[in-house]
ModelCIF file with pLDDT and N, C-alpha, C, O atoms, coordinates in Angstrom:
data_MODEL
#
_entry.id   MODEL 
#
_entity.id                         1 
_entity.type                       polymer 
_entity.pdbx_number_of_molecules   1 
#
_entity_poly.entity_id                      1 
_entity_poly.type                           'polypeptide(L)' 
_entity_poly.nstd_linkage                   no 
_entity_poly.nstd_monomer                   no 
_entity_poly.pdbx_seq_one_letter_code       QMNSLNPEDTAVYYCATSPRRSSWPTRRTEYNYW 
_entity_poly.pdbx_seq_one_letter_code_can   QMNSLNPEDTAVYYCATSPRRSSWPTRRTEYNYW 
_entity_poly.pdbx_strand_id                 A 
#
loop_
_entity_poly_seq.entity_id 
_entity_poly_seq.num 
_entity_poly_seq.mon_id 
_entity_poly_seq.hetero 
1 1  GLN n 
1 2  MET n 
1 3  ASN n 
1 4  SER n 
1 5  LEU n 
1 6  ASN n 
1 7  PRO n 
1 8  GLU n 
1 9  ASP n 
1 10 THR n 
1 11 ALA n 
1 12 VAL n 
1 13 TYR n 
1 14 TYR n 
1 15 CYS n 
1 16 ALA n 
1 17 THR n 
1 18 SER n 
1 19 PRO n 
1 20 ARG n 
1 21 ARG n 
1 22 SER n 
1 23 SER n 
1 24 TRP n 
1 25 PRO n 
1 26 THR n 
1 27 ARG n 
1 28 ARG n 
1 29 THR n 
1 30 GLU n 
1 31 TYR n 
1 32 ASN n 
1 33 TYR n 
1 34 TRP n 
#
_struct_asym.id          A 
_struct_asym.entity_id   1 
#
loop_
_ma_qa_metric.id 
_ma_qa_metric.mode 
_ma_qa_metric.name 
_ma_qa_metric.software_group_id 
_ma_qa_metric.type 
1 global pLDDT . pLDDT 
2 local  pLDDT . pLDDT 
#
_ma_qa_metric_global.metric_id      1 
_ma_qa_metric_global.metric_value   95.76 
_ma_qa_metric_global.model_id       1 
_ma_qa_metric_global.ordinal_id     1 
#
loop_
_ma_qa_metric_local.label_asym_id 
_ma_qa_metric_local.label_comp_id 
_ma_qa_metric_local.label_seq_id 
_ma_qa_metric_local.metric_id 
_ma_qa_metric_local.metric_value 
_ma_qa_metric_local.model_id 
_ma_qa_metric_local.ordinal_id 
A GLN 1  2 98.00 1 1  
A MET 2  2 98.00 1 2  
A ASN 3  2 98.00 1 3  
A SER 4  2 98.00 1 4  
A LEU 5  2 98.00 1 5  
A ASN 6  2 97.00 1 6  
A PRO 7  2 97.00 1 7  
A GLU 8  2 97.00 1 8  
A ASP 9  2 98.00 1 9  
A THR 10 2 98.00 1 10 
A ALA 11 2 98.00 1 11 
A VAL 12 2 98.00 1 12 
A TYR 13 2 98.00 1 13 
A TYR 14 2 98.00 1 14 
A CYS 15 2 97.00 1 15 
A ALA 16 2 97.00 1 16 
A THR 17 2 95.00 1 17 
A SER 18 2 95.00 1 18 
A PRO 19 2 93.00 1 19 
A ARG 20 2 90.00 1 20 
A ARG 21 2 87.00 1 21 
A SER 22 2 83.00 1 22 
A SER 23 2 92.00 1 23 
A TRP 24 2 96.00 1 24 
A PRO 25 2 96.00 1 25 
A THR 26 2 97.00 1 26 
A ARG 27 2 97.00 1 27 
A ARG 28 2 96.00 1 28 
A THR 29 2 96.00 1 29 
A GLU 30 2 97.00 1 30 
A TYR 31 2 96.00 1 31 
A ASN 32 2 94.00 1 32 
A TYR 33 2 96.00 1 33 
A TRP 34 2 97.00 1 34 
#
loop_
_atom_site.group_PDB 
_atom_site.id 
_atom_site.type_symbol 
_atom_site.label_atom_id 
_atom_site.label_alt_id 
_atom_site.label_comp_id 
_atom_site.label_asym_id 
_atom_site.label_entity_id 
_atom_site.label_seq_id 
_atom_site.pdbx_PDB_ins_code 
_atom_site.Cartn_x 
_atom_site.Cartn_y 
_atom_site.Cartn_z 
_atom_site.occupancy 
_atom_site.B_iso_or_equiv 
_atom_site.pdbx_formal_charge 
_atom_site.auth_seq_id 
_atom_site.auth_comp_id 
_atom_site.auth_asym_id 
_atom_site.auth_atom_id 
_atom_site.pdbx_PDB_model_num 
ATOM 1   N N  . GLN A 1 1  ? -10.561 3.900   3.343   1.00 98.00 ? 1  GLN A N  1 
ATOM 2   C CA . GLN A 1 1  ? -11.315 4.278   4.530   1.00 98.00 ? 1  GLN A CA 1 
ATOM 3   C C  . GLN A 1 1  ? -10.651 3.646   5.738   1.00 98.00 ? 1  GLN A C  1 
ATOM 4   O O  . GLN A 1 1  ? -10.506 2.426   5.802   1.00 98.00 ? 1  GLN A O  1 
ATOM 5   N N  . MET A 1 2  ? -10.247 4.462   6.692   1.00 98.00 ? 2  MET A N  1 
ATOM 6   C CA . MET A 1 2  ? -9.518  4.000   7.860   1.00 98.00 ? 2  MET A CA 1 
ATOM 7   C C  . MET A 1 2  ? -10.352 4.278   9.107   1.00 98.00 ? 2  MET A C  1 
ATOM 8   O O  . MET A 1 2  ? -10.627 5.431   9.437   1.00 98.00 ? 2  MET A O  1 
ATOM 9   N N  . ASN A 1 3  ? -10.747 3.217   9.789   1.00 98.00 ? 3  ASN A N  1 
ATOM 10  C CA . ASN A 1 3  ? -11.535 3.315   11.012  1.00 98.00 ? 3  ASN A CA 1 
ATOM 11  C C  . ASN A 1 3  ? -10.741 2.766   12.193  1.00 98.00 ? 3  ASN A C  1 
ATOM 12  O O  . ASN A 1 3  ? -9.745  2.065   12.017  1.00 98.00 ? 3  ASN A O  1 
ATOM 13  N N  . SER A 1 4  ? -11.196 3.095   13.387  1.00 98.00 ? 4  SER A N  1 
ATOM 14  C CA . SER A 1 4  ? -10.566 2.608   14.617  1.00 98.00 ? 4  SER A CA 1 
ATOM 15  C C  . SER A 1 4  ? -9.064  2.849   14.606  1.00 98.00 ? 4  SER A C  1 
ATOM 16  O O  . SER A 1 4  ? -8.279  1.956   14.923  1.00 98.00 ? 4  SER A O  1 
ATOM 17  N N  . LEU A 1 5  ? -8.682  4.040   14.245  1.00 98.00 ? 5  LEU A N  1 
ATOM 18  C CA . LEU A 1 5  ? -7.264  4.367   14.136  1.00 98.00 ? 5  LEU A CA 1 
ATOM 19  C C  . LEU A 1 5  ? -6.594  4.382   15.510  1.00 98.00 ? 5  LEU A C  1 
ATOM 20  O O  . LEU A 1 5  ? -7.203  4.760   16.511  1.00 98.00 ? 5  LEU A O  1 
ATOM 21  N N  . ASN A 1 6  ? -5.351  3.969   15.535  1.00 97.00 ? 6  ASN A N  1 
ATOM 22  C CA . ASN A 1 6  ? -4.549  4.008   16.742  1.00 97.00 ? 6  ASN A CA 1 
ATOM 23  C C  . ASN A 1 6  ? -3.217  4.671   16.426  1.00 97.00 ? 6  ASN A C  1 
ATOM 24  O O  . ASN A 1 6  ? -2.872  4.825   15.255  1.00 97.00 ? 6  ASN A O  1 
ATOM 25  N N  . PRO A 1 7  ? -2.456  5.068   17.451  1.00 97.00 ? 7  PRO A N  1 
ATOM 26  C CA . PRO A 1 7  ? -1.203  5.784   17.180  1.00 97.00 ? 7  PRO A CA 1 
ATOM 27  C C  . PRO A 1 7  ? -0.221  5.015   16.307  1.00 97.00 ? 7  PRO A C  1 
ATOM 28  O O  . PRO A 1 7  ? 0.592   5.635   15.622  1.00 97.00 ? 7  PRO A O  1 
ATOM 29  N N  . GLU A 1 8  ? -0.267  3.694   16.309  1.00 97.00 ? 8  GLU A N  1 
ATOM 30  C CA . GLU A 1 8  ? 0.623   2.904   15.460  1.00 97.00 ? 8  GLU A CA 1 
ATOM 31  C C  . GLU A 1 8  ? 0.288   3.035   13.983  1.00 97.00 ? 8  GLU A C  1 
ATOM 32  O O  . GLU A 1 8  ? 1.076   2.614   13.136  1.00 97.00 ? 8  GLU A O  1 
ATOM 33  N N  . ASP A 1 9  ? -0.866  3.609   13.657  1.00 98.00 ? 9  ASP A N  1 
ATOM 34  C CA . ASP A 1 9  ? -1.212  3.875   12.270  1.00 98.00 ? 9  ASP A CA 1 
ATOM 35  C C  . ASP A 1 9  ? -0.584  5.165   11.753  1.00 98.00 ? 9  ASP A C  1 
ATOM 36  O O  . ASP A 1 9  ? -0.680  5.461   10.562  1.00 98.00 ? 9  ASP A O  1 
ATOM 37  N N  . THR A 1 10 ? 0.050   5.929   12.622  1.00 98.00 ? 10 THR A N  1 
ATOM 38  C CA . THR A 1 10 ? 0.685   7.173   12.211  1.00 98.00 ? 10 THR A CA 1 
ATOM 39  C C  . THR A 1 10 ? 1.788   6.893   11.201  1.00 98.00 ? 10 THR A C  1 
ATOM 40  O O  . THR A 1 10 ? 2.705   6.116   11.467  1.00 98.00 ? 10 THR A O  1 
ATOM 41  N N  . ALA A 1 11 ? 1.694   7.531   10.044  1.00 98.00 ? 11 ALA A N  1 
ATOM 42  C CA . ALA A 1 11 ? 2.653   7.297   8.975   1.00 98.00 ? 11 ALA A CA 1 
ATOM 43  C C  . ALA A 1 11 ? 2.317   8.203   7.803   1.00 98.00 ? 11 ALA A C  1 
ATOM 44  O O  . ALA A 1 11 ? 1.259   8.831   7.770   1.00 98.00 ? 11 ALA A O  1 
ATOM 45  N N  . VAL A 1 12 ? 3.225   8.262   6.849   1.00 98.00 ? 12 VAL A N  1 
ATOM 46  C CA . VAL A 1 12 ? 2.912   8.820   5.547   1.00 98.00 ? 12 VAL A CA 1 
ATOM 47  C C  . VAL A 1 12 ? 2.315   7.694   4.708   1.00 98.00 ? 12 VAL A C  1 
ATOM 48  O O  . VAL A 1 12 ? 2.915   6.627   4.577   1.00 98.00 ? 12 VAL A O  1 
ATOM 49  N N  . TYR A 1 13 ? 1.148   7.932   4.147   1.00 98.00 ? 13 TYR A N  1 
ATOM 50  C CA . TYR A 1 13 ? 0.449   6.930   3.357   1.00 98.00 ? 13 TYR A CA 1 
ATOM 51  C C  . TYR A 1 13 ? 0.609   7.236   1.874   1.00 98.00 ? 13 TYR A C  1 
ATOM 52  O O  . TYR A 1 13 ? 0.431   8.373   1.439   1.00 98.00 ? 13 TYR A O  1 
ATOM 53  N N  . TYR A 1 14 ? 0.947   6.210   1.110   1.00 98.00 ? 14 TYR A N  1 
ATOM 54  C CA . TYR A 1 14 ? 1.179   6.327   -0.316  1.00 98.00 ? 14 TYR A CA 1 
ATOM 55  C C  . TYR A 1 14 ? 0.234   5.412   -1.082  1.00 98.00 ? 14 TYR A C  1 
ATOM 56  O O  . TYR A 1 14 ? -0.011  4.281   -0.663  1.00 98.00 ? 14 TYR A O  1 
ATOM 57  N N  . CYS A 1 15 ? -0.293  5.888   -2.190  1.00 97.00 ? 15 CYS A N  1 
ATOM 58  C CA . CYS A 1 15 ? -0.955  4.998   -3.126  1.00 97.00 ? 15 CYS A CA 1 
ATOM 59  C C  . CYS A 1 15 ? 0.003   4.690   -4.269  1.00 97.00 ? 15 CYS A C  1 
ATOM 60  O O  . CYS A 1 15 ? 0.904   5.472   -4.571  1.00 97.00 ? 15 CYS A O  1 
ATOM 61  N N  . ALA A 1 16 ? -0.203  3.557   -4.889  1.00 97.00 ? 16 ALA A N  1 
ATOM 62  C CA . ALA A 1 16 ? 0.699   3.092   -5.928  1.00 97.00 ? 16 ALA A CA 1 
ATOM 63  C C  . ALA A 1 16 ? -0.030  2.131   -6.850  1.00 97.00 ? 16 ALA A C  1 
ATOM 64  O O  . ALA A 1 16 ? -1.096  1.619   -6.511  1.00 97.00 ? 16 ALA A O  1 
ATOM 65  N N  . THR A 1 17 ? 0.546   1.892   -8.011  1.00 95.00 ? 17 THR A N  1 
ATOM 66  C CA . THR A 1 17 ? -0.015  0.941   -8.965  1.00 95.00 ? 17 THR A CA 1 
ATOM 67  C C  . THR A 1 17 ? 0.985   -0.166  -9.240  1.00 95.00 ? 17 THR A C  1 
ATOM 68  O O  . THR A 1 17 ? 2.197   0.040   -9.187  1.00 95.00 ? 17 THR A O  1 
ATOM 69  N N  . SER A 1 18 ? 0.452   -1.344  -9.536  1.00 95.00 ? 18 SER A N  1 
ATOM 70  C CA . SER A 1 18 ? 1.274   -2.518  -9.777  1.00 95.00 ? 18 SER A CA 1 
ATOM 71  C C  . SER A 1 18 ? 0.825   -3.218  -11.041 1.00 95.00 ? 18 SER A C  1 
ATOM 72  O O  . SER A 1 18 ? -0.374  -3.294  -11.310 1.00 95.00 ? 18 SER A O  1 
ATOM 73  N N  . PRO A 1 19 ? 1.765   -3.733  -11.824 1.00 93.00 ? 19 PRO A N  1 
ATOM 74  C CA . PRO A 1 19 ? 1.397   -4.523  -12.997 1.00 93.00 ? 19 PRO A CA 1 
ATOM 75  C C  . PRO A 1 19 ? 1.016   -5.963  -12.680 1.00 93.00 ? 19 PRO A C  1 
ATOM 76  O O  . PRO A 1 19 ? 0.629   -6.700  -13.586 1.00 93.00 ? 19 PRO A O  1 
ATOM 77  N N  . ARG A 1 20 ? 1.112   -6.383  -11.432 1.00 90.00 ? 20 ARG A N  1 
ATOM 78  C CA . ARG A 1 20 ? 0.791   -7.750  -11.051 1.00 90.00 ? 20 ARG A CA 1 
ATOM 79  C C  . ARG A 1 20 ? -0.681  -8.049  -11.261 1.00 90.00 ? 20 ARG A C  1 
ATOM 80  O O  . ARG A 1 20 ? -1.540  -7.282  -10.826 1.00 90.00 ? 20 ARG A O  1 
ATOM 81  N N  . ARG A 1 21 ? -0.978  -9.152  -11.922 1.00 87.00 ? 21 ARG A N  1 
ATOM 82  C CA . ARG A 1 21 ? -2.352  -9.546  -12.226 1.00 87.00 ? 21 ARG A CA 1 
ATOM 83  C C  . ARG A 1 21 ? -2.788  -10.805 -11.494 1.00 87.00 ? 21 ARG A C  1 
ATOM 84  O O  . ARG A 1 21 ? -3.987  -11.065 -11.396 1.00 87.00 ? 21 ARG A O  1 
ATOM 85  N N  . SER A 1 22 ? -1.862  -11.589 -10.981 1.00 83.00 ? 22 SER A N  1 
ATOM 86  C CA . SER A 1 22 ? -2.202  -12.860 -10.348 1.00 83.00 ? 22 SER A CA 1 
ATOM 87  C C  . SER A 1 22 ? -2.104  -12.747 -8.828  1.00 83.00 ? 22 SER A C  1 
ATOM 88  O O  . SER A 1 22 ? -3.048  -12.289 -8.185  1.00 83.00 ? 22 SER A O  1 
ATOM 89  N N  . SER A 1 23 ? -0.981  -13.157 -8.246  1.00 92.00 ? 23 SER A N  1 
ATOM 90  C CA . SER A 1 23 ? -0.818  -13.074 -6.804  1.00 92.00 ? 23 SER A CA 1 
ATOM 91  C C  . SER A 1 23 ? -0.799  -11.614 -6.355  1.00 92.00 ? 23 SER A C  1 
ATOM 92  O O  . SER A 1 23 ? -0.395  -10.727 -7.108  1.00 92.00 ? 23 SER A O  1 
ATOM 93  N N  . TRP A 1 24 ? -1.242  -11.377 -5.117  1.00 96.00 ? 24 TRP A N  1 
ATOM 94  C CA . TRP A 1 24 ? -1.312  -10.011 -4.623  1.00 96.00 ? 24 TRP A CA 1 
ATOM 95  C C  . TRP A 1 24 ? 0.082   -9.443  -4.383  1.00 96.00 ? 24 TRP A C  1 
ATOM 96  O O  . TRP A 1 24 ? 0.894   -10.063 -3.696  1.00 96.00 ? 24 TRP A O  1 
ATOM 97  N N  . PRO A 1 25 ? 0.365   -8.270  -4.944  1.00 96.00 ? 25 PRO A N  1 
ATOM 98  C CA . PRO A 1 25 ? 1.670   -7.647  -4.686  1.00 96.00 ? 25 PRO A CA 1 
ATOM 99  C C  . PRO A 1 25 ? 1.678   -6.977  -3.319  1.00 96.00 ? 25 PRO A C  1 
ATOM 100 O O  . PRO A 1 25 ? 0.814   -6.152  -3.020  1.00 96.00 ? 25 PRO A O  1 
ATOM 101 N N  . THR A 1 26 ? 2.645   -7.329  -2.499  1.00 97.00 ? 26 THR A N  1 
ATOM 102 C CA . THR A 1 26 ? 2.772   -6.773  -1.158  1.00 97.00 ? 26 THR A CA 1 
ATOM 103 C C  . THR A 1 26 ? 4.130   -6.145  -0.897  1.00 97.00 ? 26 THR A C  1 
ATOM 104 O O  . THR A 1 26 ? 4.376   -5.628  0.192   1.00 97.00 ? 26 THR A O  1 
ATOM 105 N N  . ARG A 1 27 ? 5.004   -6.183  -1.875  1.00 97.00 ? 27 ARG A N  1 
ATOM 106 C CA . ARG A 1 27 ? 6.338   -5.632  -1.718  1.00 97.00 ? 27 ARG A CA 1 
ATOM 107 C C  . ARG A 1 27 ? 6.463   -4.336  -2.504  1.00 97.00 ? 27 ARG A C  1 
ATOM 108 O O  . ARG A 1 27 ? 5.854   -4.180  -3.563  1.00 97.00 ? 27 ARG A O  1 
ATOM 109 N N  . ARG A 1 28 ? 7.246   -3.418  -1.984  1.00 96.00 ? 28 ARG A N  1 
ATOM 110 C CA . ARG A 1 28 ? 7.444   -2.131  -2.629  1.00 96.00 ? 28 ARG A CA 1 
ATOM 111 C C  . ARG A 1 28 ? 7.952   -2.269  -4.054  1.00 96.00 ? 28 ARG A C  1 
ATOM 112 O O  . ARG A 1 28 ? 7.586   -1.486  -4.930  1.00 96.00 ? 28 ARG A O  1 
ATOM 113 N N  . THR A 1 29 ? 8.797   -3.266  -4.283  1.00 96.00 ? 29 THR A N  1 
ATOM 114 C CA . THR A 1 29 ? 9.395   -3.439  -5.596  1.00 96.00 ? 29 THR A CA 1 
ATOM 115 C C  . THR A 1 29 ? 8.405   -3.932  -6.637  1.00 96.00 ? 29 THR A C  1 
ATOM 116 O O  . THR A 1 29 ? 8.711   -3.909  -7.829  1.00 96.00 ? 29 THR A O  1 
ATOM 117 N N  . GLU A 1 30 ? 7.236   -4.375  -6.224  1.00 97.00 ? 30 GLU A N  1 
ATOM 118 C CA . GLU A 1 30 ? 6.218   -4.853  -7.148  1.00 97.00 ? 30 GLU A CA 1 
ATOM 119 C C  . GLU A 1 30 ? 5.314   -3.735  -7.661  1.00 97.00 ? 30 GLU A C  1 
ATOM 120 O O  . GLU A 1 30 ? 4.408   -3.994  -8.454  1.00 97.00 ? 30 GLU A O  1 
ATOM 121 N N  . TYR A 1 31 ? 5.541   -2.510  -7.228  1.00 96.00 ? 31 TYR A N  1 
ATOM 122 C CA . TYR A 1 31 ? 4.755   -1.360  -7.654  1.00 96.00 ? 31 TYR A CA 1 
ATOM 123 C C  . TYR A 1 31 ? 5.624   -0.414  -8.461  1.00 96.00 ? 31 TYR A C  1 
ATOM 124 O O  . TYR A 1 31 ? 6.799   -0.222  -8.147  1.00 96.00 ? 31 TYR A O  1 
ATOM 125 N N  . ASN A 1 32 ? 5.052   0.176   -9.497  1.00 94.00 ? 32 ASN A N  1 
ATOM 126 C CA . ASN A 1 32 ? 5.845   0.974   -10.418 1.00 94.00 ? 32 ASN A CA 1 
ATOM 127 C C  . ASN A 1 32 ? 5.556   2.470   -10.369 1.00 94.00 ? 32 ASN A C  1 
ATOM 128 O O  . ASN A 1 32 ? 6.473   3.269   -10.558 1.00 94.00 ? 32 ASN A O  1 
ATOM 129 N N  . TYR A 1 33 ? 4.315   2.873   -10.123 1.00 96.00 ? 33 TYR A N  1 
ATOM 130 C CA . TYR A 1 33 ? 3.980   4.286   -10.020 1.00 96.00 ? 33 TYR A CA 1 
ATOM 131 C C  . TYR A 1 33 ? 3.536   4.610   -8.609  1.00 96.00 ? 33 TYR A C  1 
ATOM 132 O O  . TYR A 1 33 ? 2.796   3.842   -7.994  1.00 96.00 ? 33 TYR A O  1 
ATOM 133 N N  . TRP A 1 34 ? 3.986   5.746   -8.093  1.00 97.00 ? 34 TRP A N  1 
ATOM 134 C CA . TRP A 1 34 ? 3.738   6.140   -6.710  1.00 97.00 ? 34 TRP A CA 1 
ATOM 135 C C  . TRP A 1 34 ? 3.287   7.584   -6.612  1.00 97.00 ? 34 TRP A C  1 
ATOM 136 O O  . TRP A 1 34 ? 3.034   8.079   -5.513  1.00 97.00 ? 34 TRP A O  1 
#
């Protein structure tokens, strides 16, 4: 859910899954399915 959108939010948005269970994955390489 995206509220208060501004032009800097313009982008292609992707969902993905990560096998990481502990620390939060924030890098593209930490996700396997897109």
